[in-house]
Amino acid sequence: MTTGTRPQIEFVPLSTDEGKIRFFGTLMPAVLLLKASPLRFVQAQVARRRAPRVAVADLIASEADDAARIGDQILFVHCWQSDTFDPFAFARAKTFLSRVTRLVRREGFQAEPLDPLSPRVNLPKLAASAGLGTLSPFGLLVHATFGPRLILSGLRTDFPLAPVPRREGDGCTDCLSCLDVCPQRPTETGVVRLGRCQSCAKCLSICPVQAPSGCHEDLLGQNGRLAYRFSRIARVARPVKVLRLAPRSSEQRRSERKWNKMNA
């Protein structure tokens, strides 16, 4: 596959008002989820208000598709497979972030959630620096396994957990196909107005790095294992503990999801 030189592109946001970004960025996904599945909408609202009765590392391993730490921030990856916006993946990411925040605080540690709508934090750049992938010409994170179809979130915390990314490869291949198919012709104009990107997903569909079928369901199964290293006491020198999760069957995953719903 041929690669090219990335042009300089100016990205013009739809709005710089943080209040508007959060309001409409929360409202539209909620409306889409409610329209697609009222039951899932209600389940997500209930789940966000309760802390699960599991260990923090186990929650991350079971509900995030990948994770890594940089400094005092843990970044989480949630993938989807459609070429259009996936309200279920967005709801899953928001629900997970709320649950893990409550759980870390319950453990007695500080936890500041960095949701996908955080305008003051560039989550793709942080995730790339943490080793979760590389940036596309549009500034999107391209995960080596899941591609660019991602919802990112994060947690600023002093909780002593350092997830090890399961990424294999470099992510973006610099093929520049996303620039070629963009209706805004950024290679000619040097400008991309992000407001026009909301109804377009050509850059996602053309990307040669694609998510495998059933990326979330199979993450801990056929796609390998997740390892999370952590030291329970940061100030005391202790061997790094590695938690490795063995592949689980579909029946085991269904049972765990049912248990989590009952005990959420």
C-alpha atoms as a PDB file:
ATOM      1  CA  MET A   1       0.000   0.000   0.000  1.00  0.00           C
ATOM      2  CA  THR A   2       1.385   3.378  -0.999  1.00  0.00           C
ATOM      3  CA  THR A   3       1.769   6.153   1.518  1.00  0.00           C
ATOM      4  CA  GLY A   4       1.889   9.901   1.073  1.00  0.00           C
ATOM      5  CA  THR A   5       2.803  13.122   2.800  1.00  0.00           C
ATOM      6  CA  ARG A   6       0.105  14.589   4.992  1.00  0.00           C
ATOM      7  CA  PRO A   7      -0.975  18.116   4.068  1.00  0.00           C
ATOM      8  CA  GLN A   8      -1.497  20.836   6.649  1.00  0.00           C
ATOM      9  CA  ILE A   9      -5.226  21.028   7.459  1.00  0.00           C
ATOM     10  CA  GLU A  10      -7.128  23.554   9.541  1.00  0.00           C
ATOM     11  CA  PHE A  11     -10.031  22.035  11.472  1.00  0.00           C
ATOM     12  CA  VAL A  12     -12.914  24.419  12.124  1.00  0.00           C
ATOM     13  CA  PRO A  13     -15.166  23.268  15.012  1.00  0.00           C
ATOM     14  CA  LEU A  14     -18.927  23.534  14.804  1.00  0.00           C
ATOM     15  CA  SER A  15     -18.905  25.406  18.112  1.00  0.00           C
ATOM     16  CA  THR A  16     -16.427  26.472  20.772  1.00  0.00           C
ATOM     17  CA  ASP A  17     -19.118  26.830  23.430  1.00  0.00           C
ATOM     18  CA  GLU A  18     -18.532  23.982  25.896  1.00  0.00           C
ATOM     19  CA  GLY A  19     -22.106  24.145  27.151  1.00  0.00           C
ATOM     20  CA  LYS A  20     -23.563  23.756  23.664  1.00  0.00           C
ATOM     21  CA  ILE A  21     -21.140  20.969  22.801  1.00  0.00           C
ATOM     22  CA  ARG A  22     -22.140  18.973  25.868  1.00  0.00           C
ATOM     23  CA  PHE A  23     -25.859  19.669  25.534  1.00  0.00           C
ATOM     24  CA  PHE A  24     -26.275  18.723  21.889  1.00  0.00           C
ATOM     25  CA  GLY A  25     -23.542  16.072  22.050  1.00  0.00           C
ATOM     26  CA  THR A  26     -25.494  14.334  24.814  1.00  0.00           C
ATOM     27  CA  LEU A  27     -28.995  15.002  23.500  1.00  0.00           C
ATOM     28  CA  MET A  28     -28.613  13.656  19.965  1.00  0.00           C
ATOM     29  CA  PRO A  29     -27.057  10.278  20.926  1.00  0.00           C
ATOM     30  CA  ALA A  30     -29.713   9.877  23.633  1.00  0.00           C
ATOM     31  CA  VAL A  31     -32.503  10.523  21.106  1.00  0.00           C
ATOM     32  CA  LEU A  32     -30.979   8.055  18.648  1.00  0.00           C
ATOM     33  CA  LEU A  33     -30.631   5.397  21.353  1.00  0.00           C
ATOM     34  CA  LEU A  34     -34.188   5.959  22.605  1.00  0.00           C
ATOM     35  CA  LYS A  35     -35.487   5.637  19.051  1.00  0.00           C
ATOM     36  CA  ALA A  36     -33.458   2.484  18.366  1.00  0.00           C
ATOM     37  CA  SER A  37     -34.180   0.717  21.671  1.00  0.00           C
ATOM     38  CA  PRO A  38     -36.206   2.247  24.518  1.00  0.00           C
ATOM     39  CA  LEU A  39     -35.232  -0.688  26.750  1.00  0.00           C
ATOM     40  CA  ARG A  40     -31.505  -0.163  26.210  1.00  0.00           C
ATOM     41  CA  PHE A  41     -31.988   3.535  26.886  1.00  0.00           C
ATOM     42  CA  VAL A  42     -33.598   2.848  30.272  1.00  0.00           C
ATOM     43  CA  GLN A  43     -30.997   0.205  31.144  1.00  0.00           C
ATOM     44  CA  ALA A  44     -28.172   2.649  30.404  1.00  0.00           C
ATOM     45  CA  GLN A  45     -29.729   5.351  32.593  1.00  0.00           C
ATOM     46  CA  VAL A  46     -30.099   2.953  35.511  1.00  0.00           C
ATOM     47  CA  ALA A  47     -26.637   1.416  35.141  1.00  0.00           C
ATOM     48  CA  ARG A  48     -24.898   4.805  35.182  1.00  0.00           C
ATOM     49  CA  ARG A  49     -26.202   5.529  38.650  1.00  0.00           C
ATOM     50  CA  ARG A  50     -24.789   2.451  40.323  1.00  0.00           C
ATOM     51  CA  ALA A  51     -21.284   1.230  41.008  1.00  0.00           C
ATOM     52  CA  PRO A  52     -20.750  -2.436  40.094  1.00  0.00           C
ATOM     53  CA  ARG A  53     -19.594  -4.929  42.714  1.00  0.00           C
ATOM     54  CA  VAL A  54     -16.406  -5.960  40.940  1.00  0.00           C
ATOM     55  CA  ALA A  55     -12.751  -4.961  41.033  1.00  0.00           C
ATOM     56  CA  VAL A  56     -11.720  -1.953  38.962  1.00  0.00           C
ATOM     57  CA  ALA A  57      -9.372  -4.026  36.792  1.00  0.00           C
ATOM     58  CA  ASP A  58     -12.109  -6.591  36.146  1.00  0.00           C
ATOM     59  CA  LEU A  59     -14.593  -3.898  35.131  1.00  0.00           C
ATOM     60  CA  ILE A  60     -12.133  -2.380  32.656  1.00  0.00           C
ATOM     61  CA  ALA A  61     -11.249  -5.782  31.239  1.00  0.00           C
ATOM     62  CA  SER A  62     -14.881  -6.767  30.721  1.00  0.00           C
ATOM     63  CA  GLU A  63     -16.390  -3.509  29.474  1.00  0.00           C
ATOM     64  CA  ALA A  64     -13.611  -1.587  27.659  1.00  0.00           C
ATOM     65  CA  ASP A  65     -12.229  -2.814  24.331  1.00  0.00           C
ATOM     66  CA  ASP A  66      -8.756  -1.488  25.156  1.00  0.00           C
ATOM     67  CA  ALA A  67      -7.123   0.770  27.729  1.00  0.00           C
ATOM     68  CA  ALA A  68      -3.802   2.395  28.569  1.00  0.00           C
ATOM     69  CA  ARG A  69      -2.358   4.890  31.015  1.00  0.00           C
ATOM     70  CA  ILE A  70      -0.356   8.064  30.462  1.00  0.00           C
ATOM     71  CA  GLY A  71       0.588  10.113  33.513  1.00  0.00           C
ATOM     72  CA  ASP A  72      -2.413  10.424  35.815  1.00  0.00           C
ATOM     73  CA  GLN A  73      -4.899   9.585  33.057  1.00  0.00           C
ATOM     74  CA  ILE A  74      -6.299   6.223  31.976  1.00  0.00           C
ATOM     75  CA  LEU A  75      -7.694   6.162  28.438  1.00  0.00           C
ATOM     76  CA  PHE A  76     -10.442   3.764  27.328  1.00  0.00           C
ATOM     77  CA  VAL A  77     -11.369   2.556  23.842  1.00  0.00           C
ATOM     78  CA  HIS A  78     -14.855   1.447  22.820  1.00  0.00           C
ATOM     79  CA  CYS A  79     -15.270   0.298  19.226  1.00  0.00           C
ATOM     80  CA  TRP A  80     -18.214  -0.004  16.863  1.00  0.00           C
ATOM     81  CA  GLN A  81     -18.628  -1.627  13.439  1.00  0.00           C
ATOM     82  CA  SER A  82     -21.129   0.395  11.399  1.00  0.00           C
ATOM     83  CA  ASP A  83     -20.119   3.154   9.001  1.00  0.00           C
ATOM     84  CA  THR A  84     -22.497   5.570  10.717  1.00  0.00           C
ATOM     85  CA  PHE A  85     -22.629   6.787  14.292  1.00  0.00           C
ATOM     86  CA  ASP A  86     -23.447   3.960  16.711  1.00  0.00           C
ATOM     87  CA  PRO A  87     -25.627   5.181  19.622  1.00  0.00           C
ATOM     88  CA  PHE A  88     -25.224   1.821  21.369  1.00  0.00           C
ATOM     89  CA  ALA A  89     -21.424   2.161  21.455  1.00  0.00           C
ATOM     90  CA  PHE A  90     -21.729   5.739  22.667  1.00  0.00           C
ATOM     91  CA  ALA A  91     -24.126   4.704  25.436  1.00  0.00           C
ATOM     92  CA  ARG A  92     -21.844   1.821  26.386  1.00  0.00           C
ATOM     93  CA  ALA A  93     -18.865   4.200  26.650  1.00  0.00           C
ATOM     94  CA  LYS A  94     -20.775   6.751  28.733  1.00  0.00           C
ATOM     95  CA  THR A  95     -22.231   4.071  30.998  1.00  0.00           C
ATOM     96  CA  PHE A  96     -18.841   2.462  31.517  1.00  0.00           C
ATOM     97  CA  LEU A  97     -17.200   5.792  32.357  1.00  0.00           C
ATOM     98  CA  SER A  98     -19.852   6.572  34.947  1.00  0.00           C
ATOM     99  CA  ARG A  99     -19.535   3.108  36.503  1.00  0.00           C
ATOM    100  CA  VAL A 100     -15.735   3.064  36.658  1.00  0.00           C
ATOM    101  CA  THR A 101     -15.696   6.597  38.114  1.00  0.00           C
ATOM    102  CA  ARG A 102     -18.057   5.580  40.901  1.00  0.00           C
ATOM    103  CA  LEU A 103     -16.093   2.408  41.554  1.00  0.00           C
ATOM    104  CA  VAL A 104     -12.714   4.178  41.818  1.00  0.00           C
ATOM    105  CA  ARG A 105     -14.173   6.807  44.151  1.00  0.00           C
ATOM    106  CA  ARG A 106     -15.684   4.055  46.267  1.00  0.00           C
ATOM    107  CA  GLU A 107     -12.177   2.614  46.614  1.00  0.00           C
ATOM    108  CA  GLY A 108     -11.084   5.929  48.144  1.00  0.00           C
ATOM    109  CA  PHE A 109      -9.210   7.396  45.161  1.00  0.00           C
ATOM    110  CA  GLN A 110      -9.716  10.571  43.155  1.00  0.00           C
ATOM    111  CA  ALA A 111     -11.527  10.179  39.836  1.00  0.00           C
ATOM    112  CA  GLU A 112     -12.289  12.895  37.285  1.00  0.00           C
ATOM    113  CA  PRO A 113     -14.108  11.511  34.222  1.00  0.00           C
ATOM    114  CA  LEU A 114     -13.028  12.650  30.760  1.00  0.00           C
ATOM    115  CA  ASP A 115     -16.039  11.903  28.602  1.00  0.00           C
ATOM    116  CA  PRO A 116     -16.078  11.731  24.786  1.00  0.00           C
ATOM    117  CA  LEU A 117     -17.404  15.306  24.683  1.00  0.00           C
ATOM    118  CA  SER A 118     -14.551  16.855  26.690  1.00  0.00           C
ATOM    119  CA  PRO A 119     -13.670  19.895  24.508  1.00  0.00           C
ATOM    120  CA  ARG A 120     -10.698  20.890  26.663  1.00  0.00           C
ATOM    121  CA  VAL A 121      -8.980  17.501  26.371  1.00  0.00           C
ATOM    122  CA  ASN A 122      -7.774  16.036  23.078  1.00  0.00           C
ATOM    123  CA  LEU A 123      -8.509  12.386  23.796  1.00  0.00           C
ATOM    124  CA  PRO A 124      -7.193  11.060  20.433  1.00  0.00           C
ATOM    125  CA  LYS A 125      -3.793  12.677  21.019  1.00  0.00           C
ATOM    126  CA  LEU A 126      -3.658  11.376  24.570  1.00  0.00           C
ATOM    127  CA  ALA A 127      -4.626   7.891  23.442  1.00  0.00           C
ATOM    128  CA  ALA A 128      -1.979   7.923  20.722  1.00  0.00           C
ATOM    129  CA  SER A 129       0.649   9.033  23.239  1.00  0.00           C
ATOM    130  CA  ALA A 130      -0.474   6.216  25.544  1.00  0.00           C
ATOM    131  CA  GLY A 131       0.167   3.646  22.813  1.00  0.00           C
ATOM    132  CA  LEU A 132      -3.422   2.891  21.803  1.00  0.00           C
ATOM    133  CA  GLY A 133      -2.920   3.700  18.127  1.00  0.00           C
ATOM    134  CA  THR A 134      -1.835   6.462  15.785  1.00  0.00           C
ATOM    135  CA  LEU A 135      -3.580   9.566  14.487  1.00  0.00           C
ATOM    136  CA  SER A 136      -5.194   9.801  11.054  1.00  0.00           C
ATOM    137  CA  PRO A 137      -4.819  12.915   8.864  1.00  0.00           C
ATOM    138  CA  PHE A 138      -8.126  14.047  10.390  1.00  0.00           C
ATOM    139  CA  GLY A 139      -6.807  13.702  13.940  1.00  0.00           C
ATOM    140  CA  LEU A 140      -8.842  10.577  14.665  1.00  0.00           C
ATOM    141  CA  LEU A 141      -7.292   7.733  16.603  1.00  0.00           C
ATOM    142  CA  VAL A 142      -6.786   4.650  14.428  1.00  0.00           C
ATOM    143  CA  HIS A 143      -6.458   1.536  16.559  1.00  0.00           C
ATOM    144  CA  ALA A 144      -4.383  -1.229  14.986  1.00  0.00           C
ATOM    145  CA  THR A 145      -7.162  -3.764  15.606  1.00  0.00           C
ATOM    146  CA  PHE A 146     -10.370  -1.731  15.614  1.00  0.00           C
ATOM    147  CA  GLY A 147      -9.542   0.997  13.098  1.00  0.00           C
ATOM    148  CA  PRO A 148     -11.039   4.508  13.406  1.00  0.00           C
ATOM    149  CA  ARG A 149     -14.536   3.484  14.539  1.00  0.00           C
ATOM    150  CA  LEU A 150     -13.969   4.363  18.175  1.00  0.00           C
ATOM    151  CA  ILE A 151     -15.462   6.151  21.138  1.00  0.00           C
ATOM    152  CA  LEU A 152     -12.768   7.393  23.503  1.00  0.00           C
ATOM    153  CA  SER A 153     -13.094   8.311  27.156  1.00  0.00           C
ATOM    154  CA  GLY A 154     -10.716   8.730  30.055  1.00  0.00           C
ATOM    155  CA  LEU A 155     -10.267   9.013  33.782  1.00  0.00           C
ATOM    156  CA  ARG A 156      -7.882  11.341  35.596  1.00  0.00           C
ATOM    157  CA  THR A 157      -7.086   9.458  38.783  1.00  0.00           C
ATOM    158  CA  ASP A 158      -4.475   8.491  41.334  1.00  0.00           C
ATOM    159  CA  PHE A 159      -5.743   4.911  41.349  1.00  0.00           C
ATOM    160  CA  PRO A 160      -2.644   2.659  40.924  1.00  0.00           C
ATOM    161  CA  LEU A 161      -3.633   0.835  37.756  1.00  0.00           C
ATOM    162  CA  ALA A 162      -1.639   0.776  34.507  1.00  0.00           C
ATOM    163  CA  PRO A 163      -3.465  -1.153  31.743  1.00  0.00           C
ATOM    164  CA  VAL A 164      -1.279  -2.610  29.024  1.00  0.00           C
ATOM    165  CA  PRO A 165      -2.614  -1.881  25.509  1.00  0.00           C
ATOM    166  CA  ARG A 166      -3.408  -4.954  23.451  1.00  0.00           C
ATOM    167  CA  ARG A 167      -2.693  -3.048  20.226  1.00  0.00           C
ATOM    168  CA  GLU A 168      -0.537  -4.818  17.641  1.00  0.00           C
ATOM    169  CA  GLY A 169       0.666  -2.671  14.748  1.00  0.00           C
ATOM    170  CA  ASP A 170       0.773   1.016  13.953  1.00  0.00           C
ATOM    171  CA  GLY A 171      -2.849   1.923  13.261  1.00  0.00           C
ATOM    172  CA  CYS A 172      -2.998   4.548  10.496  1.00  0.00           C
ATOM    173  CA  THR A 173      -1.140   3.455   7.354  1.00  0.00           C
ATOM    174  CA  ASP A 174      -0.860   6.982   5.863  1.00  0.00           C
ATOM    175  CA  CYS A 175      -2.569   5.817   2.696  1.00  0.00           C
ATOM    176  CA  LEU A 176      -4.425   9.189   2.645  1.00  0.00           C
ATOM    177  CA  SER A 177      -7.557   7.529   1.231  1.00  0.00           C
ATOM    178  CA  CYS A 178      -9.646   9.414   3.799  1.00  0.00           C
ATOM    179  CA  LEU A 179      -8.452  12.722   2.356  1.00  0.00           C
ATOM    180  CA  ASP A 180      -9.167  11.604  -1.207  1.00  0.00           C
ATOM    181  CA  VAL A 181     -12.820  10.712  -0.515  1.00  0.00           C
ATOM    182  CA  CYS A 182     -13.607  13.676   1.743  1.00  0.00           C
ATOM    183  CA  PRO A 183     -16.344  15.829   0.118  1.00  0.00           C
ATOM    184  CA  GLN A 184     -14.742  18.946   1.612  1.00  0.00           C
ATOM    185  CA  ARG A 185     -11.602  18.435  -0.521  1.00  0.00           C
ATOM    186  CA  PRO A 186      -9.097  19.201   2.249  1.00  0.00           C
ATOM    187  CA  THR A 187      -6.117  18.492  -0.003  1.00  0.00           C
ATOM    188  CA  GLU A 188      -7.185  21.473  -2.126  1.00  0.00           C
ATOM    189  CA  THR A 189      -8.712  23.846   0.424  1.00  0.00           C
ATOM    190  CA  GLY A 190      -6.646  22.947   3.480  1.00  0.00           C
ATOM    191  CA  VAL A 191      -9.789  23.312   5.621  1.00  0.00           C
ATOM    192  CA  VAL A 192     -12.218  20.839   7.202  1.00  0.00           C
ATOM    193  CA  ARG A 193     -15.387  22.137   8.845  1.00  0.00           C
ATOM    194  CA  LEU A 194     -16.191  19.575  11.508  1.00  0.00           C
ATOM    195  CA  GLY A 195     -19.901  20.428  11.517  1.00  0.00           C
ATOM    196  CA  ARG A 196     -20.215  18.891   8.055  1.00  0.00           C
ATOM    197  CA  CYS A 197     -18.627  15.652   9.248  1.00  0.00           C
ATOM    198  CA  GLN A 198     -21.628  14.717  11.383  1.00  0.00           C
ATOM    199  CA  SER A 199     -23.655  13.399   8.429  1.00  0.00           C
ATOM    200  CA  CYS A 200     -20.662  11.922   6.602  1.00  0.00           C
ATOM    201  CA  ALA A 201     -18.583   8.865   7.391  1.00  0.00           C
ATOM    202  CA  LYS A 202     -16.672   8.299   4.176  1.00  0.00           C
ATOM    203  CA  CYS A 203     -13.337   8.569   5.931  1.00  0.00           C
ATOM    204  CA  LEU A 204     -14.373   5.724   8.251  1.00  0.00           C
ATOM    205  CA  SER A 205     -15.695   3.426   5.541  1.00  0.00           C
ATOM    206  CA  ILE A 206     -12.621   3.837   3.312  1.00  0.00           C
ATOM    207  CA  CYS A 207     -10.067   3.199   6.054  1.00  0.00           C
ATOM    208  CA  PRO A 208      -8.173  -0.058   5.361  1.00  0.00           C
ATOM    209  CA  VAL A 209      -7.824  -0.700   9.106  1.00  0.00           C
ATOM    210  CA  GLN A 210     -11.182  -2.184  10.047  1.00  0.00           C
ATOM    211  CA  ALA A 211     -12.635  -3.595  13.246  1.00  0.00           C
ATOM    212  CA  PRO A 212     -13.151  -7.361  13.347  1.00  0.00           C
ATOM    213  CA  SER A 213     -16.657  -8.740  13.496  1.00  0.00           C
ATOM    214  CA  GLY A 214     -18.030  -8.627  17.036  1.00  0.00           C
ATOM    215  CA  CYS A 215     -15.122  -6.570  18.335  1.00  0.00           C
ATOM    216  CA  HIS A 216     -16.522  -6.067  21.840  1.00  0.00           C
ATOM    217  CA  GLU A 217     -18.102  -9.501  22.296  1.00  0.00           C
ATOM    218  CA  ASP A 218     -14.998 -11.381  21.142  1.00  0.00           C
ATOM    219  CA  LEU A 219     -12.339  -9.175  22.694  1.00  0.00           C
ATOM    220  CA  LEU A 220     -11.564 -11.531  25.548  1.00  0.00           C
ATOM    221  CA  GLY A 221     -12.298 -14.606  23.451  1.00  0.00           C
ATOM    222  CA  GLN A 222     -10.879 -15.289  20.013  1.00  0.00           C
ATOM    223  CA  ASN A 223      -8.999 -11.989  19.788  1.00  0.00           C
ATOM    224  CA  GLY A 224      -6.654 -12.784  22.670  1.00  0.00           C
ATOM    225  CA  ARG A 225      -6.120 -11.726  26.257  1.00  0.00           C
ATOM    226  CA  LEU A 226      -5.916  -8.478  28.116  1.00  0.00           C
ATOM    227  CA  ALA A 227      -3.213  -7.926  30.705  1.00  0.00           C
ATOM    228  CA  TYR A 228      -3.404  -5.258  33.371  1.00  0.00           C
ATOM    229  CA  ARG A 229      -0.390  -4.441  35.500  1.00  0.00           C
ATOM    230  CA  PHE A 230      -0.907  -2.623  38.721  1.00  0.00           C
ATOM    231  CA  SER A 231       0.706  -1.993  42.081  1.00  0.00           C
ATOM    232  CA  ARG A 232      -1.747  -1.535  44.928  1.00  0.00           C
ATOM    233  CA  ILE A 233       0.504   0.892  46.851  1.00  0.00           C
ATOM    234  CA  ALA A 234       2.310   3.395  44.670  1.00  0.00           C
ATOM    235  CA  ARG A 235       4.862   4.531  47.279  1.00  0.00           C
ATOM    236  CA  VAL A 236       6.047   1.058  48.249  1.00  0.00           C
ATOM    237  CA  ALA A 237       8.297  -0.886  45.917  1.00  0.00           C
ATOM    238  CA  ARG A 238       6.428  -4.058  45.066  1.00  0.00           C
ATOM    239  CA  PRO A 239       6.568  -6.477  42.132  1.00  0.00           C
ATOM    240  CA  VAL A 240       4.229  -5.465  39.349  1.00  0.00           C
ATOM    241  CA  LYS A 241       1.206  -7.699  39.376  1.00  0.00           C
ATOM    242  CA  VAL A 242      -0.165  -8.870  36.039  1.00  0.00           C
ATOM    243  CA  LEU A 243      -3.755  -9.981  35.695  1.00  0.00           C
ATOM    244  CA  ARG A 244      -4.250 -12.152  32.618  1.00  0.00           C
ATOM    245  CA  LEU A 245      -7.718 -13.133  31.573  1.00  0.00           C
ATOM    246  CA  ALA A 246      -8.210 -16.510  29.925  1.00  0.00           C
ATOM    247  CA  PRO A 247     -10.506 -16.704  26.875  1.00  0.00           C
ATOM    248  CA  ARG A 248     -14.150 -17.146  27.824  1.00  0.00           C
ATOM    249  CA  SER A 249     -16.944 -18.970  26.068  1.00  0.00           C
ATOM    250  CA  SER A 250     -20.077 -17.240  24.770  1.00  0.00           C
ATOM    251  CA  GLU A 251     -22.093 -18.881  27.540  1.00  0.00           C
ATOM    252  CA  GLN A 252     -19.724 -17.493  30.186  1.00  0.00           C
ATOM    253  CA  ARG A 253     -19.987 -13.991  28.746  1.00  0.00           C
ATOM    254  CA  ARG A 254     -23.792 -14.183  28.706  1.00  0.00           C
ATOM    255  CA  SER A 255     -23.819 -15.339  32.324  1.00  0.00           C
ATOM    256  CA  GLU A 256     -21.489 -12.518  33.372  1.00  0.00           C
ATOM    257  CA  ARG A 257     -23.590  -9.892  31.622  1.00  0.00           C
ATOM    258  CA  LYS A 258     -26.724 -11.252  33.300  1.00  0.00           C
ATOM    259  CA  TRP A 259     -25.007 -11.217  36.723  1.00  0.00           C
ATOM    260  CA  ASN A 260     -23.781  -7.642  36.194  1.00  0.00           C
ATOM    261  CA  LYS A 261     -27.295  -6.463  35.318  1.00  0.00           C
ATOM    262  CA  MET A 262     -28.749  -8.136  38.380  1.00  0.00           C
ATOM    263  CA  ASN A 263     -26.106  -6.703  40.705  1.00  0.00           C
ATOM    264  CA  ALA A 264     -25.529  -3.306  39.092  1.00  0.00           C
END
